[in-house]
Amino acid sequence: MADEREPPPMEESNENNEDDIFSEAIEEQPVIDSKQEEPTRVPIKANINTDDLFSGEGDEVKLDSEEEEEEEEEVPEPEPSKTDDSNPFNSVEPPKPVEEPTPTPQISVSSHSSSSAVKVTASKPSKEEEEEEDEFTIDIKISDPQKMGDGMGAYMVYRVRTKTTVPAFRKAELSVLRRFSDFLGLHSKLADKHVSKGVIVPPAPEKSVIGMTKIKVSKDDSGSSDFIEKRRAALERFLTRTASHPLLRMDPDFRDFLEREGDLPKSTNTSALSGAGVMRLFHKVGDAVDKISFKMDESDEWFDERHQQIENLDVQLRKLHSSMETLVHHRKELSLTTMHFSKSAAMLGNAEEHTALSRALSQLAETEERIEIIQHDQADHDFYLMAELLKDYISLLGSVKEVFHERFKTYKVWKEAEATLTKKRENKAKLELAGKNDKVPQAQNEITEWSEKVEKGKEDFEKISQTIRKEMGRFDRHRVEDFKTTVVRYLEQLMENQQKLIKCWEAFLPEAKAIA
């Protein structure tokens, strides 16, 4: 019976039933052609029934066209159909290379905000300064310290040799004799001209009354050779840092110091007990009082942060310098103790009757003597490489603080001029109210005068702030470079001395094993 049944007329029902909900979905199926890049979609406008309850479904099918529009907006190329079908990643590869800006040699990072744009433009002059500094070279060496005169009138002179490619100098190679007071006079002249403008002038070595008294009194220079060598190295570093500054090395006083043959005019304001020295002391006290009495309303966060960094760096450098001086002291004590042990071992070897043991003790004494030389050499490297570098940068931070204080004084002058201008305007208003018209022109002239002073104070403050920013960038670059170079040299020397110690003990070990 089941075989005699006829199948239902499906085709006729599909043709006559206009409300079939699946007919629309069948018509909307996209026909995909493998030879084409994108699926070909059959339009659905002809068979849409306006009375269909699910007519809203037909609107949602248009998402394919919306996706195509979004893809067309994302792809910047006008002809997206020209992609290679053989590459399966063409459909997902983002078009970022088209949107990337071409890099320029002046900007190293891309700016995403106004603040980052300022940083990019601020790094631009630092690169130009580096190129300017590397364009010419100047090499200064100080040697041949000599004692001139006798008694309390004696003084030291140093041979200053200069090799330079800077065209402002008269000769490529120069050689002059300079005494210690000449160096102090040079620093005083440079500081008077440039510190008030925000330029960091490297500090000169400090005077040592005790060290110079020993030189003046003693007839033999061997006892003061250590002090003379330390001063010579400090003076050489002072001139080298000054010459590395593109502005200071072009100063007429600096060039005259390196070029002028014969004696320079004697500097009378370099003594700590002179009238100028006493005035400098009073000025420092007055500046300290100004810092307490007048508070600066700092509107630039950069200067506030840098001030805190400088204070913290000063504290840490002083701690490290103290530890390094302690290390140098202990190494020298160890060297001295090793020398005493070497002498005692040699005396014991001479008194020993056993031949092999006597020979071993003598070899031990010689080994300890070589070790004493190595330890003393390491103590010198600890001092001249690390301790002196830390001491120099502690003094340099003092110069940085002086520049920041000059900015504070410029700000104070500006604000005091604004306060005076306000008083002058109030005075003019009172004169006008009182009917004293004969005094109004004079008051107006005073207002004009103080307005110019306010404008000049503001201009000076902005100028010194900009200069300090550049100087601090240069200071940071040189600080990192100096510490890197010095630490690498220090570690290399330390490893070399440790290898020498190992070789000394390796040479002694067979002799110790030979004792029978």
Protein backbone atom coordinates (compact mmCIF):
# COMPACT_ATOMS: atom_id res chain seq x y z
CA MET A 1 0.00 0.00 0.00
CA ALA A 2 2.84 2.34 0.76
CA ASP A 3 4.33 1.85 -2.71
CA GLU A 4 1.11 2.94 -4.40
CA ARG A 5 1.09 6.37 -2.72
CA GLU A 6 2.16 9.28 -4.84
CA PRO A 7 4.54 11.90 -3.54
CA PRO A 8 2.96 15.26 -2.76
CA PRO A 9 3.18 17.97 -5.44
CA MET A 10 6.05 19.99 -3.85
CA GLU A 11 6.74 22.11 -6.91
CA GLU A 12 3.15 23.33 -7.22
CA SER A 13 2.93 24.20 -3.55
CA ASN A 14 6.12 26.21 -3.79
CA GLU A 15 4.87 28.13 -6.76
CA ASN A 16 1.37 28.84 -5.34
CA ASN A 17 2.33 29.61 -1.78
CA GLU A 18 3.28 33.25 -1.68
CA ASP A 19 3.63 33.33 2.08
CA ASP A 20 6.33 30.66 2.32
CA ILE A 21 8.93 31.98 4.73
CA PHE A 22 11.79 29.96 3.18
CA SER A 23 11.39 31.16 -0.35
CA GLU A 24 13.02 34.48 0.42
CA ALA A 25 15.99 32.86 2.13
CA ILE A 26 16.52 30.57 -0.83
CA GLU A 27 16.55 33.51 -3.20
CA GLU A 28 18.98 35.41 -1.01
CA GLN A 29 21.70 32.71 -0.97
CA PRO A 30 24.88 34.10 -2.56
CA VAL A 31 26.26 32.23 -5.52
CA ILE A 32 30.01 31.83 -5.07
CA ASP A 33 32.14 31.62 -8.15
CA SER A 34 35.60 30.22 -7.48
CA LYS A 35 37.03 32.15 -10.41
CA GLN A 36 35.94 35.47 -8.95
CA GLU A 37 37.64 37.36 -6.15
CA GLU A 38 34.46 38.02 -4.15
CA PRO A 39 31.16 36.14 -3.94
CA THR A 40 28.50 37.32 -6.43
CA ARG A 41 25.32 38.20 -4.58
CA VAL A 42 21.91 37.89 -6.27
CA PRO A 43 19.76 41.00 -5.76
CA ILE A 44 16.67 40.40 -3.64
CA LYS A 45 14.57 43.36 -4.65
CA ALA A 46 12.40 41.56 -7.22
CA ASN A 47 10.93 38.87 -4.93
CA ILE A 48 10.37 40.82 -1.71
CA ASN A 49 6.73 40.64 -0.53
CA THR A 50 5.65 43.84 1.15
CA ASP A 51 2.95 41.98 3.08
CA ASP A 52 5.35 39.41 4.47
CA LEU A 53 5.46 39.36 8.26
CA PHE A 54 9.23 38.79 8.08
CA SER A 55 10.00 41.64 5.75
CA GLY A 56 12.34 43.02 8.40
CA GLU A 57 14.56 40.01 7.85
CA GLY A 58 15.26 41.23 4.36
CA ASP A 59 16.68 44.46 5.74
CA GLU A 60 19.18 42.59 7.89
CA VAL A 61 20.49 40.67 4.93
CA LYS A 62 22.01 43.95 3.71
CA LEU A 63 24.79 43.59 6.27
CA ASP A 64 26.97 42.18 3.53
CA SER A 65 26.81 45.44 1.67
CA GLU A 66 27.57 47.36 4.90
CA GLU A 67 30.63 45.22 5.50
CA GLU A 68 31.77 45.93 1.98
CA GLU A 69 31.38 49.65 2.61
CA GLU A 70 33.40 49.41 5.85
CA GLU A 71 36.14 47.52 4.05
CA GLU A 72 36.20 50.14 1.33
CA GLU A 73 36.62 52.86 3.98
CA GLU A 74 39.48 51.05 5.69
CA VAL A 75 41.41 50.27 2.51
CA PRO A 76 43.02 53.47 1.22
CA GLU A 77 43.80 51.99 -2.22
CA PRO A 78 41.23 52.96 -4.91
CA GLU A 79 41.39 49.55 -6.60
CA PRO A 80 41.18 46.78 -4.01
CA SER A 81 40.39 44.16 -6.69
CA LYS A 82 44.02 44.21 -7.95
CA THR A 83 45.29 42.04 -5.12
CA ASP A 84 47.08 38.82 -5.85
CA ASP A 85 44.85 35.73 -5.48
CA SER A 86 47.88 33.54 -4.89
CA ASN A 87 48.69 35.30 -1.61
CA PRO A 88 46.27 34.10 1.10
CA PHE A 89 47.16 37.01 3.41
CA ASN A 90 46.02 39.79 1.11
CA SER A 91 42.56 39.87 2.65
CA VAL A 92 43.84 40.34 6.20
CA GLU A 93 46.94 42.48 5.68
CA PRO A 94 46.34 45.98 7.13
CA PRO A 95 47.20 48.91 4.88
CA LYS A 96 49.49 50.54 7.47
CA PRO A 97 52.53 51.18 5.22
CA VAL A 98 50.46 53.67 3.26
CA GLU A 99 49.57 55.66 6.38
CA GLU A 100 53.05 55.72 7.99
CA PRO A 101 54.83 59.06 7.67
CA THR A 102 58.26 59.13 6.11
CA PRO A 103 60.93 59.44 8.79
CA THR A 104 63.03 62.57 8.93
CA PRO A 105 66.60 62.75 10.24
CA GLN A 106 65.71 65.40 12.82
CA ILE A 107 62.85 63.67 14.66
CA SER A 108 63.52 60.34 16.32
CA VAL A 109 60.13 59.64 17.91
CA SER A 110 56.57 60.29 16.77
CA SER A 111 54.51 62.74 18.78
CA HIS A 112 51.05 61.73 19.94
CA SER A 113 50.26 64.82 21.97
CA SER A 114 51.30 68.41 22.39
CA SER A 115 53.65 67.60 25.25
CA SER A 116 55.49 64.94 23.29
CA ALA A 117 55.81 67.33 20.36
CA VAL A 118 57.62 69.77 22.65
CA LYS A 119 60.03 67.04 23.67
CA VAL A 120 60.81 66.21 20.06
CA THR A 121 61.59 69.82 19.20
CA ALA A 122 63.65 70.15 22.39
CA SER A 123 65.88 67.20 21.40
CA LYS A 124 66.60 68.82 18.05
CA PRO A 125 69.10 71.47 19.24
CA SER A 126 70.93 68.93 21.37
CA LYS A 127 71.83 66.96 18.23
CA GLU A 128 72.97 70.15 16.56
CA GLU A 129 75.10 70.94 19.60
CA GLU A 130 76.67 67.50 19.45
CA GLU A 131 77.54 68.03 15.79
CA GLU A 132 78.95 71.46 16.64
CA GLU A 133 81.05 70.02 19.46
CA ASP A 134 82.38 67.21 17.26
CA GLU A 135 83.17 69.51 14.35
CA PHE A 136 86.40 70.83 15.93
CA THR A 137 88.77 69.25 18.41
CA ILE A 138 90.87 70.69 21.19
CA ASP A 139 93.22 68.60 23.31
CA ILE A 140 94.85 70.10 26.42
CA LYS A 141 97.58 68.46 28.50
CA ILE A 142 99.23 69.81 31.65
CA SER A 143 102.68 68.57 32.59
CA ASP A 144 106.04 69.55 34.05
CA PRO A 145 105.05 71.13 37.37
CA GLN A 146 107.87 73.36 38.60
CA LYS A 147 108.49 75.18 41.85
CA MET A 148 109.38 78.85 41.39
CA GLY A 149 111.00 80.89 44.16
CA ASP A 150 111.87 79.96 47.75
CA GLY A 151 110.26 80.30 51.13
CA MET A 152 106.73 81.57 51.62
CA GLY A 153 106.85 83.38 48.29
CA ALA A 154 107.25 80.16 46.32
CA TYR A 155 104.59 79.00 43.86
CA MET A 156 104.01 76.25 41.30
CA VAL A 157 103.84 76.69 37.54
CA TYR A 158 102.51 74.16 35.02
CA ARG A 159 103.19 73.62 31.34
CA VAL A 160 99.90 73.84 29.37
CA ARG A 161 100.11 72.25 25.90
CA THR A 162 97.21 72.64 23.48
CA LYS A 163 96.49 70.98 20.14
CA THR A 164 93.38 72.25 18.37
CA THR A 165 91.60 72.54 15.03
CA VAL A 166 89.43 75.47 16.14
CA PRO A 167 90.03 78.26 13.60
CA ALA A 168 89.67 80.98 16.25
CA PHE A 169 93.09 80.09 17.70
CA ARG A 170 96.19 81.58 16.16
CA LYS A 171 98.15 78.31 16.07
CA ALA A 172 97.30 74.62 15.95
CA GLU A 173 99.79 73.83 18.74
CA LEU A 174 100.36 76.06 21.75
CA SER A 175 102.52 75.81 24.87
CA VAL A 176 102.49 78.26 27.80
CA LEU A 177 103.41 78.33 31.48
CA ARG A 178 100.65 79.09 33.98
CA ARG A 179 100.53 79.27 37.76
CA PHE A 180 97.64 78.07 39.92
CA SER A 181 96.25 81.57 40.49
CA ASP A 182 95.93 81.99 36.71
CA PHE A 183 93.52 79.06 36.59
CA LEU A 184 91.45 80.55 39.40
CA GLY A 185 91.42 83.92 37.63
CA LEU A 186 90.21 82.28 34.41
CA HIS A 187 87.34 80.58 36.21
CA SER A 188 86.38 83.84 37.93
CA LYS A 189 86.23 85.69 34.60
CA LEU A 190 84.18 82.99 32.90
CA ALA A 191 81.77 82.74 35.83
CA ASP A 192 81.21 86.50 35.96
CA LYS A 193 80.28 86.61 32.28
CA HIS A 194 78.31 83.40 31.73
CA VAL A 195 76.74 82.11 34.96
CA SER A 196 74.20 84.95 35.06
CA LYS A 197 73.06 83.87 31.57
CA GLY A 198 72.43 80.27 32.64
CA VAL A 199 75.66 78.71 31.35
CA ILE A 200 77.23 76.00 33.54
CA VAL A 201 80.90 76.91 34.03
CA PRO A 202 83.07 73.99 35.24
CA PRO A 203 84.52 74.66 38.70
CA ALA A 204 88.22 75.19 39.24
CA PRO A 205 90.13 73.09 41.81
CA GLU A 206 89.93 74.33 45.36
CA LYS A 207 92.89 75.96 47.06
CA SER A 208 94.72 73.92 49.68
CA VAL A 209 96.51 76.02 52.26
CA ILE A 210 98.05 72.98 53.94
CA GLY A 211 99.33 71.45 50.71
CA MET A 212 100.90 74.65 49.45
CA THR A 213 102.45 75.40 52.84
CA LYS A 214 104.22 72.04 52.73
CA ILE A 215 105.55 72.86 49.26
CA LYS A 216 106.78 76.29 50.32
CA VAL A 217 108.46 75.08 53.50
CA SER A 218 109.97 71.80 52.31
CA LYS A 219 113.19 71.85 50.36
CA ASP A 220 112.63 68.40 48.91
CA ASP A 221 109.65 68.04 46.54
CA SER A 222 109.41 64.27 47.00
CA GLY A 223 107.17 64.59 50.05
CA SER A 224 104.64 66.74 48.20
CA SER A 225 104.69 64.91 44.87
CA ASP A 226 101.34 63.24 45.57
CA PHE A 227 99.66 66.61 46.20
CA ILE A 228 101.23 68.13 43.07
CA GLU A 229 100.06 65.24 40.89
CA LYS A 230 96.50 65.47 42.21
CA ARG A 231 96.41 69.20 41.53
CA ARG A 232 97.88 68.76 38.05
CA ALA A 233 95.22 66.19 37.13
CA ALA A 234 92.44 68.39 38.55
CA LEU A 235 93.63 71.43 36.56
CA GLU A 236 93.78 69.36 33.38
CA ARG A 237 90.21 68.13 33.87
CA PHE A 238 89.07 71.72 34.49
CA LEU A 239 90.53 72.96 31.21
CA THR A 240 89.27 69.92 29.30
CA ARG A 241 85.69 70.42 30.48
CA THR A 242 85.86 74.12 29.72
CA ALA A 243 87.24 73.45 26.24
CA SER A 244 84.46 70.94 25.52
CA HIS A 245 81.81 73.66 25.92
CA PRO A 246 81.10 75.28 22.52
CA LEU A 247 80.50 78.70 24.07
CA LEU A 248 83.24 78.81 26.71
CA ARG A 249 86.02 77.67 24.41
CA MET A 250 85.33 80.66 22.13
CA ASP A 251 85.56 83.12 25.02
CA PRO A 252 88.38 85.65 24.53
CA ASP A 253 89.67 85.15 28.09
CA PHE A 254 89.91 81.38 27.57
CA ARG A 255 91.75 81.76 24.27
CA ASP A 256 94.05 84.36 25.82
CA PHE A 257 94.80 81.93 28.65
CA LEU A 258 95.96 79.25 26.18
CA GLU A 259 97.65 81.53 23.62
CA ARG A 260 99.27 84.42 25.43
CA GLU A 261 102.98 83.90 25.94
CA GLY A 262 104.56 85.10 29.13
CA ASP A 263 102.83 85.88 32.40
CA LEU A 264 99.18 86.83 32.63
CA PRO A 265 98.03 89.79 34.73
CA LYS A 266 98.10 88.70 38.33
CA SER A 267 94.70 87.72 39.71
CA THR A 268 94.12 89.57 42.98
CA ASN A 269 90.63 88.26 43.78
CA THR A 270 91.45 84.55 43.98
CA SER A 271 92.60 84.46 47.59
CA ALA A 272 90.08 83.30 50.16
CA LEU A 273 91.21 86.06 52.56
CA SER A 274 91.09 88.88 50.01
CA GLY A 275 88.42 91.57 49.91
CA ALA A 276 86.70 89.89 46.98
CA GLY A 277 86.72 86.59 48.84
CA VAL A 278 85.03 88.17 51.85
CA MET A 279 82.45 89.79 49.57
CA ARG A 280 81.74 86.45 47.93
CA LEU A 281 81.11 85.00 51.36
CA PHE A 282 78.67 87.80 52.21
CA HIS A 283 76.89 87.31 48.88
CA LYS A 284 76.42 83.61 49.60
CA VAL A 285 74.91 84.43 52.98
CA GLY A 286 72.60 87.00 51.38
CA ASP A 287 71.50 84.50 48.72
CA ALA A 288 70.68 81.96 51.42
CA VAL A 289 68.56 84.55 53.22
CA ASP A 290 66.75 85.41 49.96
CA LYS A 291 65.83 81.78 49.43
CA ILE A 292 64.22 81.68 52.85
CA SER A 293 62.44 85.04 52.69
CA PHE A 294 61.25 84.93 49.07
CA LYS A 295 59.40 81.87 47.79
CA MET A 296 59.36 81.26 44.08
CA ASP A 297 56.04 80.22 42.56
CA GLU A 298 57.38 77.57 40.20
CA SER A 299 55.02 77.09 37.27
CA ASP A 300 57.29 74.77 35.26
CA GLU A 301 57.22 71.17 36.50
CA TRP A 302 60.39 70.38 34.58
CA PHE A 303 62.49 72.72 36.72
CA ASP A 304 60.88 71.46 39.90
CA GLU A 305 61.67 67.85 39.00
CA ARG A 306 65.20 68.67 37.90
CA HIS A 307 65.86 70.52 41.14
CA GLN A 308 64.82 67.45 43.15
CA GLN A 309 66.93 65.19 40.95
CA ILE A 310 69.98 67.38 41.43
CA GLU A 311 69.55 67.37 45.20
CA ASN A 312 69.16 63.58 45.29
CA LEU A 313 72.11 63.07 42.95
CA ASP A 314 74.26 65.31 45.13
CA VAL A 315 73.44 63.27 48.22
CA GLN A 316 74.13 59.93 46.52
CA LEU A 317 77.40 61.13 44.96
CA ARG A 318 78.65 62.33 48.31
CA LYS A 319 77.87 58.97 49.90
CA LEU A 320 79.61 57.09 47.09
CA HIS A 321 82.60 59.42 47.23
CA SER A 322 82.94 58.83 50.97
CA SER A 323 82.81 55.05 50.45
CA MET A 324 85.40 55.26 47.68
CA GLU A 325 87.77 57.29 49.84
CA THR A 326 87.39 54.66 52.57
CA LEU A 327 88.19 51.95 50.01
CA VAL A 328 91.31 53.81 48.88
CA HIS A 329 92.42 54.18 52.50
CA HIS A 330 91.94 50.45 53.17
CA ARG A 331 93.80 49.44 50.01
CA LYS A 332 96.75 51.61 50.98
CA GLU A 333 96.75 50.10 54.45
CA LEU A 334 96.60 46.64 52.91
CA SER A 335 99.52 47.51 50.66
CA LEU A 336 101.54 48.75 53.61
CA THR A 337 100.70 45.65 55.67
CA THR A 338 101.67 43.41 52.74
CA MET A 339 105.04 45.14 52.54
CA HIS A 340 105.67 44.50 56.26
CA PHE A 341 104.65 40.85 55.82
CA SER A 342 107.04 40.54 52.87
CA LYS A 343 109.97 41.80 54.94
CA SER A 344 109.10 39.49 57.83
CA ALA A 345 108.86 36.48 55.49
CA ALA A 346 112.26 37.35 53.98
CA MET A 347 113.88 37.56 57.42
CA LEU A 348 112.32 34.25 58.42
CA GLY A 349 113.61 32.63 55.23
CA ASN A 350 117.13 33.79 55.98
CA ALA A 351 116.96 32.33 59.51
CA GLU A 352 115.45 28.99 58.40
CA GLU A 353 117.94 26.07 58.26
CA HIS A 354 115.74 23.83 56.10
CA THR A 355 116.81 24.48 52.54
CA ALA A 356 113.47 23.86 50.74
CA LEU A 357 111.48 25.74 53.38
CA SER A 358 113.94 28.62 53.35
CA ARG A 359 113.71 28.86 49.59
CA ALA A 360 109.90 28.77 49.75
CA LEU A 361 109.81 31.54 52.34
CA SER A 362 112.12 33.66 50.21
CA GLN A 363 109.85 33.10 47.19
CA LEU A 364 106.84 34.00 49.35
CA ALA A 365 108.53 37.25 50.37
CA GLU A 366 109.18 38.13 46.72
CA THR A 367 105.59 37.25 45.79
CA GLU A 368 104.20 39.44 48.56
CA GLU A 369 106.46 42.26 47.45
CA ARG A 370 105.04 42.08 43.92
CA ILE A 371 101.52 41.90 45.37
CA GLU A 372 102.22 45.02 47.44
CA ILE A 373 103.07 46.91 44.24
CA ILE A 374 99.87 45.70 42.57
CA GLN A 375 97.73 46.71 45.56
CA HIS A 376 99.31 50.16 45.69
CA ASP A 377 98.70 50.56 41.96
CA GLN A 378 95.06 49.56 42.43
CA ALA A 379 94.67 52.10 45.24
CA ASP A 380 95.94 54.81 42.88
CA HIS A 381 93.43 53.77 40.23
CA ASP A 382 90.65 53.79 42.81
CA PHE A 383 91.52 57.36 43.62
CA TYR A 384 92.39 58.89 40.24
CA LEU A 385 89.64 57.15 38.26
CA MET A 386 86.64 56.87 40.58
CA ALA A 387 87.19 59.10 43.61
CA GLU A 388 88.31 62.11 41.57
CA LEU A 389 85.46 61.66 39.09
CA LEU A 390 82.92 61.67 41.92
CA LYS A 391 84.57 64.70 43.51
CA ASP A 392 84.50 66.58 40.19
CA TYR A 393 80.80 65.92 39.69
CA ILE A 394 79.99 66.97 43.22
CA SER A 395 81.64 70.30 42.37
CA LEU A 396 79.85 70.38 39.01
CA LEU A 397 76.52 69.96 40.77
CA GLY A 398 77.47 73.02 42.79
CA SER A 399 77.84 74.93 39.52
CA VAL A 400 74.46 73.61 38.37
CA LYS A 401 72.89 74.85 41.60
CA GLU A 402 74.44 78.28 41.01
CA VAL A 403 72.78 78.42 37.59
CA PHE A 404 69.42 77.48 39.07
CA HIS A 405 69.91 80.16 41.72
CA GLU A 406 70.60 82.73 38.98
CA ARG A 407 67.24 81.80 37.50
CA PHE A 408 65.70 82.33 40.92
CA LYS A 409 67.28 85.79 41.18
CA THR A 410 66.07 86.69 37.68
CA TYR A 411 62.56 85.63 38.67
CA LYS A 412 62.79 87.72 41.84
CA VAL A 413 63.88 90.82 39.89
CA TRP A 414 60.98 90.31 37.49
CA LYS A 415 58.38 89.97 40.22
CA GLU A 416 59.77 92.91 42.19
CA ALA A 417 59.50 95.03 39.03
CA GLU A 418 55.87 93.93 38.66
CA ALA A 419 55.15 94.91 42.28
CA THR A 420 56.79 98.31 41.76
CA LEU A 421 54.79 98.83 38.55
CA THR A 422 51.58 98.12 40.42
CA LYS A 423 52.50 100.71 43.05
CA LYS A 424 53.32 103.27 40.35
CA ARG A 425 49.93 102.77 38.72
CA GLU A 426 48.17 103.10 42.06
CA ASN A 427 50.13 106.29 42.72
CA LYS A 428 49.05 107.69 39.35
CA ALA A 429 45.41 106.88 40.09
CA LYS A 430 45.66 108.68 43.44
CA LEU A 431 47.17 111.75 41.78
CA GLU A 432 44.37 111.84 39.23
CA LEU A 433 41.75 111.53 41.95
CA ALA A 434 43.44 114.28 43.99
CA GLY A 435 43.49 116.58 40.96
CA LYS A 436 47.29 116.92 40.92
CA ASN A 437 47.53 116.92 37.16
CA ASP A 438 50.99 118.50 37.16
CA LYS A 439 52.49 115.32 38.64
CA VAL A 440 50.58 112.90 36.38
CA PRO A 441 53.06 113.09 33.42
CA GLN A 442 55.97 112.21 35.70
CA ALA A 443 53.98 109.30 37.14
CA GLN A 444 53.18 108.16 33.59
CA ASN A 445 56.87 108.26 32.68
CA GLU A 446 57.67 106.13 35.72
CA ILE A 447 54.96 103.66 34.70
CA THR A 448 56.44 103.45 31.21
CA GLU A 449 59.93 102.94 32.64
CA TRP A 450 58.85 100.17 34.98
CA SER A 451 56.74 98.54 32.26
CA GLU A 452 59.90 98.22 30.19
CA LYS A 453 61.70 96.74 33.20
CA VAL A 454 58.90 94.21 33.65
CA GLU A 455 59.07 93.20 30.01
CA LYS A 456 62.86 92.91 30.20
CA GLY A 457 62.60 90.87 33.41
CA LYS A 458 60.15 88.50 31.79
CA GLU A 459 62.33 88.20 28.69
CA ASP A 460 65.44 87.55 30.79
CA PHE A 461 63.62 84.91 32.81
CA GLU A 462 62.42 83.08 29.71
CA LYS A 463 65.86 83.32 28.13
CA ILE A 464 67.73 81.95 31.15
CA SER A 465 65.15 79.16 31.51
CA GLN A 466 65.70 78.12 27.90
CA THR A 467 69.48 78.26 28.31
CA ILE A 468 69.36 76.12 31.45
CA ARG A 469 67.30 73.50 29.63
CA LYS A 470 69.97 73.24 26.94
CA GLU A 471 72.77 73.25 29.48
CA MET A 472 71.14 70.47 31.51
CA GLY A 473 70.72 68.35 28.39
CA ARG A 474 74.39 68.80 27.61
CA PHE A 475 75.33 68.16 31.25
CA ASP A 476 73.40 64.86 31.29
CA ARG A 477 75.00 63.65 28.06
CA HIS A 478 78.52 64.37 29.28
CA ARG A 479 77.79 62.92 32.72
CA VAL A 480 76.62 59.60 31.27
CA GLU A 481 79.57 59.50 28.87
CA ASP A 482 82.11 60.31 31.60
CA PHE A 483 80.75 57.73 34.02
CA LYS A 484 80.56 55.06 31.34
CA THR A 485 84.12 55.65 30.16
CA THR A 486 85.54 55.85 33.68
CA VAL A 487 83.71 52.81 35.04
CA VAL A 488 84.79 50.70 32.05
CA ARG A 489 88.41 51.77 32.50
CA TYR A 490 88.18 51.11 36.22
CA LEU A 491 86.79 47.61 35.73
CA GLU A 492 89.37 46.79 33.08
CA GLN A 493 92.18 47.91 35.36
CA LEU A 494 90.69 45.99 38.27
CA MET A 495 90.49 42.79 36.21
CA GLU A 496 94.04 43.28 34.97
CA ASN A 497 95.37 43.62 38.52
CA GLN A 498 93.40 40.56 39.63
CA GLN A 499 94.97 38.55 36.80
CA LYS A 500 98.40 39.71 37.93
CA LEU A 501 97.63 38.52 41.44
CA ILE A 502 96.56 35.12 40.14
CA LYS A 503 99.77 34.79 38.13
CA CYS A 504 101.85 35.67 41.19
CA TRP A 505 100.25 32.95 43.28
CA GLU A 506 100.37 30.42 40.42
CA ALA A 507 104.12 31.04 40.13
CA PHE A 508 104.60 30.52 43.87
CA LEU A 509 102.45 27.37 44.18
CA PRO A 510 105.03 24.89 42.69
CA GLU A 511 107.65 26.23 45.08
CA ALA A 512 105.35 25.61 48.04
CA LYS A 513 104.57 22.07 46.85
CA ALA A 514 108.29 21.35 46.48
CA ILE A 515 108.87 21.58 50.25
CA ALA A 516 109.86 18.14 51.47
